[in-house]
Amino acid sequence: MYAGIQGGNIQAMIWQNVGEKGPFFATTFSRPFKDQAGAWRNGTSFGFNDLEALMNVAFEAKEWMTARTLKR
């Protein structure tokens, strides 16, 4: 993991990868929740009430990646 961003109950994890054209960033989004046994899990589906937080976190992730990509 390179960086983590959280907004509400949504998390974005930003990863740096290396490809043929050099390094690049990729992002995964998740929604932590407790299962029936009380263990924390990460879901990758988002309900109606999650969408605004997902959009905000995605925007912040894009801004973070853009700032670091332009510095190269």
C-alpha atoms as a PDB file:
ATOM      1  CA  MET A   1       0.000   0.000   0.000  1.00  0.00           C
ATOM      2  CA  TYR A   2       1.180   3.472  -0.813  1.00  0.00           C
ATOM      3  CA  ALA A   3      -1.550   5.574   0.836  1.00  0.00           C
ATOM      4  CA  GLY A   4      -4.972   5.260   2.414  1.00  0.00           C
ATOM      5  CA  ILE A   5      -7.867   7.708   2.296  1.00  0.00           C
ATOM      6  CA  GLN A   6     -11.060   7.413   4.302  1.00  0.00           C
ATOM      7  CA  GLY A   7     -14.354   9.250   4.133  1.00  0.00           C
ATOM      8  CA  GLY A   8     -17.353   8.161   6.137  1.00  0.00           C
ATOM      9  CA  ASN A   9     -17.424   4.385   6.020  1.00  0.00           C
ATOM     10  CA  ILE A  10     -15.541   4.142   2.697  1.00  0.00           C
ATOM     11  CA  GLN A  11     -11.819   3.513   2.322  1.00  0.00           C
ATOM     12  CA  ALA A  12      -9.556   3.938  -0.695  1.00  0.00           C
ATOM     13  CA  MET A  13      -6.195   2.214  -0.772  1.00  0.00           C
ATOM     14  CA  ILE A  14      -3.740   3.563  -3.315  1.00  0.00           C
ATOM     15  CA  TRP A  15      -1.071   1.241  -4.632  1.00  0.00           C
ATOM     16  CA  GLN A  16       1.982   2.020  -6.709  1.00  0.00           C
ATOM     17  CA  ASN A  17       2.730  -0.491  -9.436  1.00  0.00           C
ATOM     18  CA  VAL A  18       5.440  -0.652 -12.066  1.00  0.00           C
ATOM     19  CA  GLY A  19       4.569  -1.315 -15.681  1.00  0.00           C
ATOM     20  CA  GLU A  20       6.404  -1.266 -18.980  1.00  0.00           C
ATOM     21  CA  LYS A  21       6.069   2.531 -19.103  1.00  0.00           C
ATOM     22  CA  GLY A  22       7.188   3.030 -15.497  1.00  0.00           C
ATOM     23  CA  PRO A  23       5.388   3.453 -12.177  1.00  0.00           C
ATOM     24  CA  PHE A  24       1.660   4.115 -11.966  1.00  0.00           C
ATOM     25  CA  PHE A  25      -0.996   4.196  -9.258  1.00  0.00           C
ATOM     26  CA  ALA A  26      -4.069   2.009  -8.850  1.00  0.00           C
ATOM     27  CA  THR A  27      -6.878   2.268  -6.309  1.00  0.00           C
ATOM     28  CA  THR A  28      -9.132  -0.183  -4.521  1.00  0.00           C
ATOM     29  CA  PHE A  29     -12.251   0.864  -2.622  1.00  0.00           C
ATOM     30  CA  SER A  30     -13.827  -0.968   0.287  1.00  0.00           C
ATOM     31  CA  ARG A  31     -16.477  -0.658   2.973  1.00  0.00           C
ATOM     32  CA  PRO A  32     -15.499  -2.190   6.316  1.00  0.00           C
ATOM     33  CA  PHE A  33     -18.249  -4.065   8.197  1.00  0.00           C
ATOM     34  CA  LYS A  34     -18.602  -6.633  10.976  1.00  0.00           C
ATOM     35  CA  ASP A  35     -19.881 -10.060  10.022  1.00  0.00           C
ATOM     36  CA  GLN A  36     -22.314 -12.118  12.122  1.00  0.00           C
ATOM     37  CA  ALA A  37     -19.433 -13.443  14.255  1.00  0.00           C
ATOM     38  CA  GLY A  38     -18.214  -9.906  14.975  1.00  0.00           C
ATOM     39  CA  ALA A  39     -15.095 -10.130  12.781  1.00  0.00           C
ATOM     40  CA  TRP A  40     -14.215  -7.151  10.586  1.00  0.00           C
ATOM     41  CA  ARG A  41     -14.487  -7.725   6.840  1.00  0.00           C
ATOM     42  CA  ASN A  42     -14.102  -5.469   3.794  1.00  0.00           C
ATOM     43  CA  GLY A  43     -16.991  -5.322   1.365  1.00  0.00           C
ATOM     44  CA  THR A  44     -16.649  -4.202  -2.216  1.00  0.00           C
ATOM     45  CA  SER A  45     -20.297  -3.499  -2.903  1.00  0.00           C
ATOM     46  CA  PHE A  46     -21.833  -0.158  -2.064  1.00  0.00           C
ATOM     47  CA  GLY A  47     -25.410   0.739  -1.256  1.00  0.00           C
ATOM     48  CA  PHE A  48     -27.292   3.894  -2.069  1.00  0.00           C
ATOM     49  CA  ASN A  49     -26.228   5.520   1.209  1.00  0.00           C
ATOM     50  CA  ASP A  50     -22.546   4.795   0.476  1.00  0.00           C
ATOM     51  CA  LEU A  51     -22.402   6.456  -2.931  1.00  0.00           C
ATOM     52  CA  GLU A  52     -21.772  10.058  -1.865  1.00  0.00           C
ATOM     53  CA  ALA A  53     -18.889   9.011   0.408  1.00  0.00           C
ATOM     54  CA  LEU A  54     -17.558   6.782  -2.391  1.00  0.00           C
ATOM     55  CA  MET A  55     -17.591   9.714  -4.834  1.00  0.00           C
ATOM     56  CA  ASN A  56     -15.822  11.972  -2.331  1.00  0.00           C
ATOM     57  CA  VAL A  57     -13.144   9.394  -1.531  1.00  0.00           C
ATOM     58  CA  ALA A  58     -12.645   8.656  -5.247  1.00  0.00           C
ATOM     59  CA  PHE A  59     -12.177  12.384  -5.906  1.00  0.00           C
ATOM     60  CA  GLU A  60      -9.633  12.672  -3.069  1.00  0.00           C
ATOM     61  CA  ALA A  61      -7.775   9.608  -4.394  1.00  0.00           C
ATOM     62  CA  LYS A  62      -7.677  11.143  -7.872  1.00  0.00           C
ATOM     63  CA  GLU A  63      -6.330  14.418  -6.473  1.00  0.00           C
ATOM     64  CA  TRP A  64      -3.674  12.544  -4.470  1.00  0.00           C
ATOM     65  CA  MET A  65      -2.551  10.542  -7.509  1.00  0.00           C
ATOM     66  CA  THR A  66      -2.600  13.584  -9.784  1.00  0.00           C
ATOM     67  CA  ALA A  67      -0.382  15.581  -7.427  1.00  0.00           C
ATOM     68  CA  ARG A  68       2.193  12.784  -7.298  1.00  0.00           C
ATOM     69  CA  THR A  69       2.053  11.989 -11.010  1.00  0.00           C
ATOM     70  CA  LEU A  70       2.643  15.617 -12.032  1.00  0.00           C
ATOM     71  CA  LYS A  71       5.779  15.814  -9.853  1.00  0.00           C
ATOM     72  CA  ARG A  72       7.553  13.220 -12.006  1.00  0.00           C
END
